[in-house]
């Protein structure tokens, strides 16, 4: 991208954006690097993403729906030292046509009911402190979440970047030439005495280790991802009857990136991974252990086009933050679970950077899945069958920066 200062470019990335370098990363991932030329500057920074995403799903895994709207994150930033940045502002989420929003943490909290509402937009305060010590970055408050974690796509759906609240808690990122690590705690629900919902938090690890001394045109790497969500605790009200629940996802594999000398092709990527799911406590899932295996390939062109494909097969597997088609639970009607699923994902996306601060993107993908026998929560079984679900979307990201005071 243009407009990035040399002082920032010389620093290694403190986030796991590469690999992959897909459109979700370009549109939603924040850059945690600190630019030393911004020292003692007071500025206004605006992060914004407007989107229209239409999911045309058949309904065996999940119902179709549309997401028209935008989120906006204006904030004051002050960098008192070359290795310390403070940010204060707000995060607002708006869905077109909505006029009130429940006041609880957004994403995968279907059992929790909000008893208060905000009108006009879903608005949260935003504060972040980022400190760099050598190769390690410490973050407190609103952390660098979503696509910035760089999780494998079967464990994290890009759509989550559109709808979830900013992740809040603590984060440690360590970066070297051949090694990147991101460890975080996202506290999603704080409770008071006699509160009517459960405490909940997510702990995650994303690690990438590049193999070999050189980082030439062919790069091999080992990805390791772990996501654990915990709900409930000692202060739960007895009438909730949900109990303590601890759910885990993990994955490990191998990947390769080739950067050819061809002018038209930016990179060719391939990867394979084994995934696991474990219900350490609770009964949210009808099974305690499950597994999945996946292989993927993609080609990125210099004109901004990226084509990709993935095949995944799973048994008793549930991705906590992934798309439903990579798991064996059904989220429609009477619910239930499949005895297995094999899904092929095919997609193409395009992105264009007008300048460093403005990016436009479009994406279309299909999920061709063979779902095994479905056993509903009522005990009724349905035979296996093929399904074809697809979605498309268009996105525009803005992130301008305005200096209010230099050398403050």
Protein backbone atom coordinates (compact mmCIF):
# COMPACT_ATOMS: atom_id res chain seq x y z
CA UNK A 1 0.00 0.00 0.00
CA UNK A 2 1.10 3.56 -0.57
CA UNK A 3 1.61 6.16 2.10
CA UNK A 4 3.14 3.92 4.79
CA UNK A 5 6.19 5.48 6.39
CA UNK A 6 9.59 3.81 6.36
CA UNK A 7 9.63 3.66 10.16
CA UNK A 8 6.54 1.47 10.12
CA UNK A 9 7.58 -0.65 7.16
CA UNK A 10 10.83 -1.63 8.84
CA UNK A 11 8.95 -3.18 11.76
CA UNK A 12 7.75 -6.79 11.47
CA UNK A 13 3.97 -7.20 11.57
CA UNK A 14 2.72 -7.79 15.11
CA UNK A 15 -0.33 -9.61 13.82
CA UNK A 16 -0.98 -12.82 11.91
CA UNK A 17 -2.24 -11.27 8.69
CA UNK A 18 0.14 -13.23 6.43
CA UNK A 19 -0.67 -15.90 5.58
CA UNK A 20 -3.40 -15.56 4.50
CA UNK A 21 -3.79 -12.20 2.77
CA UNK A 22 -7.45 -12.56 1.80
CA UNK A 23 -10.06 -9.84 1.41
CA UNK A 24 -11.35 -10.28 4.97
CA UNK A 25 -7.90 -9.29 6.22
CA UNK A 26 -7.77 -6.24 3.94
CA UNK A 27 -11.29 -5.12 4.86
CA UNK A 28 -11.47 -5.81 8.59
CA UNK A 29 -8.05 -6.41 10.17
CA UNK A 30 -6.44 -3.51 12.01
CA UNK A 31 -2.69 -2.96 11.91
CA UNK A 32 -1.19 -3.12 15.40
CA UNK A 33 2.20 -1.76 14.36
CA UNK A 34 3.24 1.56 15.90
CA UNK A 35 4.70 4.22 13.61
CA UNK A 36 7.48 6.07 15.42
CA UNK A 37 6.88 9.19 13.28
CA UNK A 38 3.52 9.59 15.05
CA UNK A 39 5.19 10.11 18.43
CA UNK A 40 3.60 12.94 20.44
CA UNK A 41 0.85 13.33 17.85
CA UNK A 42 -2.82 13.77 18.76
CA UNK A 43 -5.00 12.58 15.88
CA UNK A 44 -8.49 11.46 14.91
CA UNK A 45 -8.68 8.05 13.24
CA UNK A 46 -11.85 6.60 11.73
CA UNK A 47 -12.28 2.90 11.00
CA UNK A 48 -15.39 2.12 9.01
CA UNK A 49 -16.78 -0.79 7.02
CA UNK A 50 -20.01 -0.68 5.05
CA UNK A 51 -21.31 -3.97 3.72
CA UNK A 52 -24.09 -5.79 1.94
CA UNK A 53 -23.96 -9.58 2.25
CA UNK A 54 -26.68 -11.91 1.01
CA UNK A 55 -26.68 -15.57 2.12
CA UNK A 56 -28.85 -17.79 -0.10
CA UNK A 57 -28.93 -20.96 2.00
CA UNK A 58 -31.21 -23.95 1.46
CA UNK A 59 -31.88 -24.45 5.14
CA UNK A 60 -30.55 -27.91 6.00
CA UNK A 61 -27.56 -26.48 7.85
CA UNK A 62 -28.89 -22.99 8.53
CA UNK A 63 -31.45 -20.53 7.19
CA UNK A 64 -30.50 -17.83 4.69
CA UNK A 65 -30.41 -14.15 5.64
CA UNK A 66 -28.97 -10.81 4.56
CA UNK A 67 -26.64 -8.38 6.32
CA UNK A 68 -27.02 -4.80 5.02
CA UNK A 69 -25.35 -2.17 7.17
CA UNK A 70 -22.11 -0.71 8.45
CA UNK A 71 -19.93 -0.32 11.50
CA UNK A 72 -18.03 2.83 12.40
CA UNK A 73 -15.23 3.33 14.92
CA UNK A 74 -14.12 6.98 15.36
CA UNK A 75 -11.44 7.55 18.01
CA UNK A 76 -8.82 9.93 19.33
CA UNK A 77 -5.28 8.53 19.22
CA UNK A 78 -2.30 9.82 21.16
CA UNK A 79 1.20 8.38 20.98
CA UNK A 80 3.11 9.86 23.97
CA UNK A 81 6.11 7.58 23.33
CA UNK A 82 7.50 5.83 20.28
CA UNK A 83 6.40 2.46 21.72
CA UNK A 84 3.10 3.42 23.35
CA UNK A 85 -0.25 4.31 21.75
CA UNK A 86 -3.55 5.20 23.45
CA UNK A 87 -6.94 5.25 21.70
CA UNK A 88 -10.34 6.47 22.94
CA UNK A 89 -13.60 6.50 21.00
CA UNK A 90 -16.72 4.48 20.22
CA UNK A 91 -17.85 1.56 18.09
CA UNK A 92 -21.26 1.70 16.43
CA UNK A 93 -23.02 -1.04 14.46
CA UNK A 94 -26.03 -0.24 12.27
CA UNK A 95 -28.18 -2.65 10.25
CA UNK A 96 -30.26 -0.97 7.55
CA UNK A 97 -33.87 -0.71 8.66
CA UNK A 98 -33.26 -1.58 12.33
CA UNK A 99 -34.22 0.93 15.00
CA UNK A 100 -33.36 -0.86 18.25
CA UNK A 101 -30.61 -3.26 19.32
CA UNK A 102 -30.36 -5.58 22.35
CA UNK A 103 -27.67 -4.63 24.87
CA UNK A 104 -25.58 -7.78 25.05
CA UNK A 105 -22.40 -9.11 23.48
CA UNK A 106 -22.95 -9.92 19.82
CA UNK A 107 -22.18 -13.32 18.25
CA UNK A 108 -23.23 -16.85 19.14
CA UNK A 109 -25.02 -16.12 22.39
CA UNK A 110 -28.44 -17.43 21.49
CA UNK A 111 -29.35 -18.38 25.07
CA UNK A 112 -28.78 -14.86 26.41
CA UNK A 113 -31.64 -12.37 26.29
CA UNK A 114 -31.10 -8.65 26.47
CA UNK A 115 -33.55 -6.91 28.80
CA UNK A 116 -32.46 -3.44 27.73
CA UNK A 117 -32.24 -1.91 24.27
CA UNK A 118 -30.35 0.85 22.49
CA UNK A 119 -32.10 2.84 19.81
CA UNK A 120 -30.66 3.99 16.51
CA UNK A 121 -27.44 1.96 16.69
CA UNK A 122 -25.62 -0.60 18.80
CA UNK A 123 -22.96 1.63 20.41
CA UNK A 124 -20.10 0.69 22.73
CA UNK A 125 -17.27 2.78 24.21
CA UNK A 126 -13.83 2.00 22.82
CA UNK A 127 -10.45 2.21 24.59
CA UNK A 128 -7.16 0.58 23.71
CA UNK A 129 -3.62 0.79 25.08
CA UNK A 130 -0.85 -0.71 22.92
CA UNK A 131 2.72 -1.05 24.21
CA UNK A 132 5.71 -2.55 22.38
CA UNK A 133 8.67 -4.11 24.18
CA UNK A 134 11.18 -5.44 21.68
CA UNK A 135 9.47 -8.10 19.56
CA UNK A 136 6.45 -8.34 21.86
CA UNK A 137 3.28 -6.20 21.75
CA UNK A 138 0.94 -5.92 24.75
CA UNK A 139 -2.65 -4.75 24.29
CA UNK A 140 -5.24 -3.92 27.00
CA UNK A 141 -8.85 -2.88 26.51
CA UNK A 142 -10.26 -3.35 23.02
CA UNK A 143 -7.82 -5.78 21.42
CA UNK A 144 -6.94 -6.41 17.77
CA UNK A 145 -9.56 -9.07 17.05
CA UNK A 146 -11.48 -10.72 14.27
CA UNK A 147 -9.48 -11.17 11.08
CA UNK A 148 -6.33 -9.79 12.80
CA UNK A 149 -5.94 -13.11 14.65
CA UNK A 150 -5.30 -14.92 11.36
CA UNK A 151 -7.19 -18.08 12.36
CA UNK A 152 -7.80 -20.83 9.79
CA UNK A 153 -11.08 -20.16 7.99
CA UNK A 154 -12.78 -23.39 9.17
CA UNK A 155 -12.37 -22.04 12.72
CA UNK A 156 -13.31 -18.42 11.99
CA UNK A 157 -15.86 -17.22 9.44
CA UNK A 158 -15.02 -13.86 7.80
CA UNK A 159 -18.65 -12.82 8.33
CA UNK A 160 -17.95 -12.50 12.06
CA UNK A 161 -16.01 -9.32 11.20
CA UNK A 162 -19.31 -7.70 10.19
CA UNK A 163 -21.42 -8.48 13.23
CA UNK A 164 -19.46 -9.07 16.41
CA UNK A 165 -18.66 -6.53 19.12
CA UNK A 166 -15.03 -5.40 19.34
CA UNK A 167 -13.09 -7.99 21.30
CA UNK A 168 -12.21 -6.73 24.78
CA UNK A 169 -9.66 -8.03 27.24
CA UNK A 170 -5.91 -8.59 26.99
CA UNK A 171 -3.65 -9.64 24.11
CA UNK A 172 0.04 -10.54 23.70
CA UNK A 173 1.63 -10.72 20.24
CA UNK A 174 5.18 -11.87 19.61
CA UNK A 175 6.77 -11.57 16.19
CA UNK A 176 10.07 -12.71 14.76
CA UNK A 177 11.19 -13.33 11.20
CA UNK A 178 10.19 -17.01 11.27
CA UNK A 179 7.67 -16.98 14.10
CA UNK A 180 4.41 -15.16 14.89
CA UNK A 181 2.26 -15.76 17.95
CA UNK A 182 -1.00 -14.14 19.06
CA UNK A 183 -2.50 -15.02 22.46
CA UNK A 184 -5.67 -13.29 23.64
CA UNK A 185 -8.52 -13.26 26.15
CA UNK A 186 -11.82 -11.82 24.92
CA UNK A 187 -14.17 -11.19 27.86
CA UNK A 188 -17.60 -11.31 26.26
CA UNK A 189 -19.98 -11.13 29.20
CA UNK A 190 -19.36 -9.71 32.66
CA UNK A 191 -21.94 -10.50 35.34
CA UNK A 192 -22.98 -8.92 38.61
CA UNK A 193 -24.55 -10.63 41.62
CA UNK A 194 -27.90 -12.23 40.71
CA UNK A 195 -27.47 -11.37 37.04
CA UNK A 196 -29.80 -13.18 34.62
CA UNK A 197 -27.19 -14.36 32.11
CA UNK A 198 -23.92 -16.25 32.23
CA UNK A 199 -20.36 -15.02 32.43
CA UNK A 200 -18.52 -15.86 29.21
CA UNK A 201 -15.08 -15.41 27.71
CA UNK A 202 -12.99 -16.79 24.86
CA UNK A 203 -9.29 -17.62 25.01
CA UNK A 204 -7.33 -18.03 21.79
CA UNK A 205 -3.90 -18.89 20.40
CA UNK A 206 -2.78 -18.37 16.81
CA UNK A 207 0.76 -19.42 15.94
CA UNK A 208 2.66 -19.48 12.65
CA UNK A 209 6.15 -20.87 12.27
CA UNK A 210 7.96 -20.55 8.95
CA UNK A 211 10.21 -23.47 8.05
CA UNK A 212 13.72 -22.97 6.66
CA UNK A 213 16.39 -20.34 7.02
CA UNK A 214 15.50 -18.32 3.96
CA UNK A 215 12.24 -16.65 3.10
CA UNK A 216 12.52 -16.85 -0.69
CA UNK A 217 9.81 -17.32 -3.28
CA UNK A 218 8.56 -20.55 -1.67
CA UNK A 219 7.64 -20.32 2.00
CA UNK A 220 6.57 -23.27 4.14
CA UNK A 221 4.85 -22.72 7.44
CA UNK A 222 3.15 -24.61 10.26
CA UNK A 223 -0.12 -23.12 11.60
CA UNK A 224 -1.42 -23.96 15.08
CA UNK A 225 -4.74 -22.52 16.30
CA UNK A 226 -6.65 -23.03 19.56
CA UNK A 227 -9.97 -21.40 20.55
CA UNK A 228 -11.67 -22.10 23.89
CA UNK A 229 -14.97 -20.60 25.00
CA UNK A 230 -16.08 -20.81 28.63
CA UNK A 231 -19.56 -19.95 29.90
CA UNK A 232 -20.91 -19.93 33.42
CA UNK A 233 -19.38 -20.11 36.87
CA UNK A 234 -19.96 -20.09 40.61
CA UNK A 235 -22.29 -17.10 40.55
CA UNK A 236 -24.83 -18.51 38.08
CA UNK A 237 -28.40 -18.36 39.36
CA UNK A 238 -29.85 -21.86 39.91
CA UNK A 239 -32.88 -21.04 37.77
CA UNK A 240 -30.67 -20.59 34.70
CA UNK A 241 -30.10 -24.38 34.65
CA UNK A 242 -27.37 -24.04 32.03
CA UNK A 243 -24.38 -25.19 34.08
CA UNK A 244 -20.73 -24.58 33.29
CA UNK A 245 -19.85 -25.05 29.63
CA UNK A 246 -16.35 -25.20 28.16
CA UNK A 247 -16.05 -25.73 24.40
CA UNK A 248 -12.79 -26.10 22.48
CA UNK A 249 -11.55 -25.99 18.89
CA UNK A 250 -8.00 -26.72 17.78
CA UNK A 251 -6.19 -27.15 14.49
CA UNK A 252 -2.70 -27.81 13.16
CA UNK A 253 -1.31 -28.40 9.70
CA UNK A 254 1.15 -27.29 7.07
CA UNK A 255 0.99 -24.59 4.41
CA UNK A 256 2.96 -23.31 1.45
CA UNK A 257 3.12 -19.96 -0.33
CA UNK A 258 4.78 -19.61 -3.73
CA UNK A 259 5.46 -16.16 -5.17
CA UNK A 260 6.29 -16.70 -8.86
CA UNK A 261 8.12 -14.30 -11.15
CA UNK A 262 5.00 -14.04 -13.33
CA UNK A 263 3.76 -10.46 -13.54
CA UNK A 264 0.11 -11.45 -13.34
CA UNK A 265 0.29 -13.81 -10.35
CA UNK A 266 1.06 -12.46 -6.89
CA UNK A 267 1.04 -15.78 -5.01
CA UNK A 268 -0.17 -19.38 -5.01
CA UNK A 269 -1.07 -20.95 -1.65
CA UNK A 270 -1.85 -24.48 -0.54
CA UNK A 271 -2.51 -25.90 2.92
CA UNK A 272 -3.82 -28.93 4.80
CA UNK A 273 -4.89 -29.23 8.43
CA UNK A 274 -6.42 -31.53 11.01
CA UNK A 275 -9.05 -30.01 13.29
CA UNK A 276 -10.61 -31.11 16.54
CA UNK A 277 -13.57 -30.18 18.75
CA UNK A 278 -13.86 -31.00 22.45
CA UNK A 279 -16.68 -30.34 24.91
CA UNK A 280 -14.83 -30.36 28.22
CA UNK A 281 -17.94 -29.63 30.27
CA UNK A 282 -21.62 -28.96 29.65
CA UNK A 283 -24.14 -30.42 27.23
CA UNK A 284 -24.58 -27.78 24.52
CA UNK A 285 -23.31 -30.26 21.93
CA UNK A 286 -24.78 -33.77 21.56
CA UNK A 287 -21.22 -35.19 21.52
CA UNK A 288 -18.04 -34.47 23.46
CA UNK A 289 -15.35 -35.04 20.81
CA UNK A 290 -15.16 -34.60 17.06
CA UNK A 291 -12.71 -34.14 14.23
CA UNK A 292 -12.32 -32.68 10.75
CA UNK A 293 -9.71 -32.71 7.99
CA UNK A 294 -9.33 -30.02 5.35
CA UNK A 295 -7.22 -29.11 2.31
CA UNK A 296 -7.25 -25.77 0.49
CA UNK A 297 -5.64 -23.96 -2.44
CA UNK A 298 -5.83 -20.39 -3.72
CA UNK A 299 -4.34 -18.09 -6.33
CA UNK A 300 -4.00 -14.32 -5.89
CA UNK A 301 -3.54 -12.13 -8.97
CA UNK A 302 -1.95 -8.70 -8.99
CA UNK A 303 -5.15 -7.20 -10.38
CA UNK A 304 -6.82 -7.86 -7.01
CA UNK A 305 -8.61 -11.11 -7.89
CA UNK A 306 -8.30 -14.13 -5.61
CA UNK A 307 -9.78 -17.55 -6.44
CA UNK A 308 -9.86 -20.26 -3.81
CA UNK A 309 -11.21 -23.69 -3.00
CA UNK A 310 -11.42 -25.91 0.06
CA UNK A 311 -12.58 -29.44 0.86
CA UNK A 312 -13.46 -30.42 4.42
CA UNK A 313 -14.81 -33.65 5.87
CA UNK A 314 -16.00 -33.83 9.48
CA UNK A 315 -17.49 -36.12 12.09
CA UNK A 316 -19.08 -34.73 15.27
CA UNK A 317 -17.29 -31.44 14.68
CA UNK A 318 -18.53 -27.93 15.60
CA UNK A 319 -16.56 -24.77 14.71
CA UNK A 320 -17.19 -22.22 17.47
CA UNK A 321 -16.79 -19.23 15.14
CA UNK A 322 -16.78 -20.91 11.73
CA UNK A 323 -19.48 -21.18 9.08
CA UNK A 324 -22.11 -23.88 9.82
CA UNK A 325 -21.25 -25.82 6.63
CA UNK A 326 -17.94 -26.90 8.19
CA UNK A 327 -19.70 -28.51 11.16
CA UNK A 328 -22.17 -31.31 11.85
CA UNK A 329 -24.83 -29.35 13.76
CA UNK A 330 -28.08 -28.15 12.18
CA UNK A 331 -29.34 -24.72 13.23
CA UNK A 332 -32.78 -24.91 11.61
CA UNK A 333 -36.19 -26.15 12.68
CA UNK A 334 -35.81 -28.87 15.30
CA UNK A 335 -32.02 -28.60 15.15
CA UNK A 336 -30.12 -31.82 15.64
CA UNK A 337 -26.91 -33.12 14.12
CA UNK A 338 -25.61 -34.98 11.06
CA UNK A 339 -23.63 -38.18 11.38
CA UNK A 340 -21.03 -36.58 9.09
CA UNK A 341 -20.53 -33.87 6.50
CA UNK A 342 -18.25 -33.27 3.51
CA UNK A 343 -18.19 -29.71 2.19
CA UNK A 344 -16.51 -28.17 -0.86
CA UNK A 345 -16.09 -24.40 -0.75
CA UNK A 346 -15.40 -22.51 -3.99
CA UNK A 347 -15.09 -18.76 -4.17
CA UNK A 348 -13.73 -15.72 -5.95
CA UNK A 349 -13.13 -12.25 -4.56
CA UNK A 350 -11.86 -8.94 -5.84
CA UNK A 351 -10.47 -5.98 -3.95
CA UNK A 352 -9.12 -2.60 -4.99
CA UNK A 353 -7.17 -0.11 -2.89
CA UNK A 354 -7.88 3.47 -4.01
CA UNK A 355 -5.30 4.76 -1.55
CA UNK A 356 -4.03 3.52 1.76
CA UNK A 357 -7.27 4.59 3.45
CA UNK A 358 -10.02 3.43 1.06
CA UNK A 359 -10.69 -0.09 -0.22
CA UNK A 360 -13.53 -1.64 -2.22
CA UNK A 361 -14.17 -5.38 -2.41
CA UNK A 362 -16.65 -7.96 -3.68
CA UNK A 363 -16.94 -11.67 -2.99
CA UNK A 364 -19.02 -14.66 -4.13
CA UNK A 365 -18.75 -18.23 -2.89
CA UNK A 366 -20.64 -21.50 -2.83
CA UNK A 367 -20.72 -24.40 -0.39
CA UNK A 368 -21.48 -27.80 -1.92
CA UNK A 369 -22.04 -30.17 0.98
CA UNK A 370 -23.03 -33.78 1.41
CA UNK A 371 -24.75 -34.05 4.77
CA UNK A 372 -25.14 -37.47 6.33
CA UNK A 373 -28.23 -38.68 8.12
CA UNK A 374 -29.81 -35.92 10.21
CA UNK A 375 -31.09 -36.77 13.69
CA UNK A 376 -33.25 -33.93 15.00
CA UNK A 377 -33.53 -32.92 18.64
CA UNK A 378 -36.92 -34.65 18.68
CA UNK A 379 -35.37 -37.96 17.57
CA UNK A 380 -36.69 -37.90 13.97
CA UNK A 381 -34.14 -38.94 11.33
CA UNK A 382 -33.77 -37.66 7.77
CA UNK A 383 -31.67 -39.30 5.02
CA UNK A 384 -28.39 -37.89 3.73
CA UNK A 385 -28.43 -35.55 0.74
CA UNK A 386 -26.50 -33.00 -1.30
CA UNK A 387 -26.94 -29.26 -0.71
CA UNK A 388 -25.76 -26.19 -2.59
CA UNK A 389 -25.62 -22.92 -0.64
CA UNK A 390 -24.09 -19.69 -1.88
CA UNK A 391 -23.53 -16.11 -0.82
CA UNK A 392 -22.24 -12.86 -2.25
CA UNK A 393 -21.30 -9.50 -0.83
CA UNK A 394 -19.80 -6.09 -1.51
CA UNK A 395 -17.74 -4.08 0.98
CA UNK A 396 -16.14 -0.65 1.32
CA UNK A 397 -13.58 0.14 4.01
CA UNK A 398 -12.45 3.61 5.10
CA UNK A 399 -9.72 4.47 7.63
CA UNK A 400 -8.63 8.11 7.27
CA UNK A 401 -6.39 9.82 9.83
CA UNK A 402 -6.43 13.55 10.69
CA UNK A 403 -3.68 15.15 12.78
CA UNK A 404 -5.05 17.57 15.39
CA UNK A 405 -1.83 18.48 17.18
CA UNK A 406 1.80 17.67 16.41
CA UNK A 407 4.51 17.42 19.10
CA UNK A 408 1.97 17.49 21.97
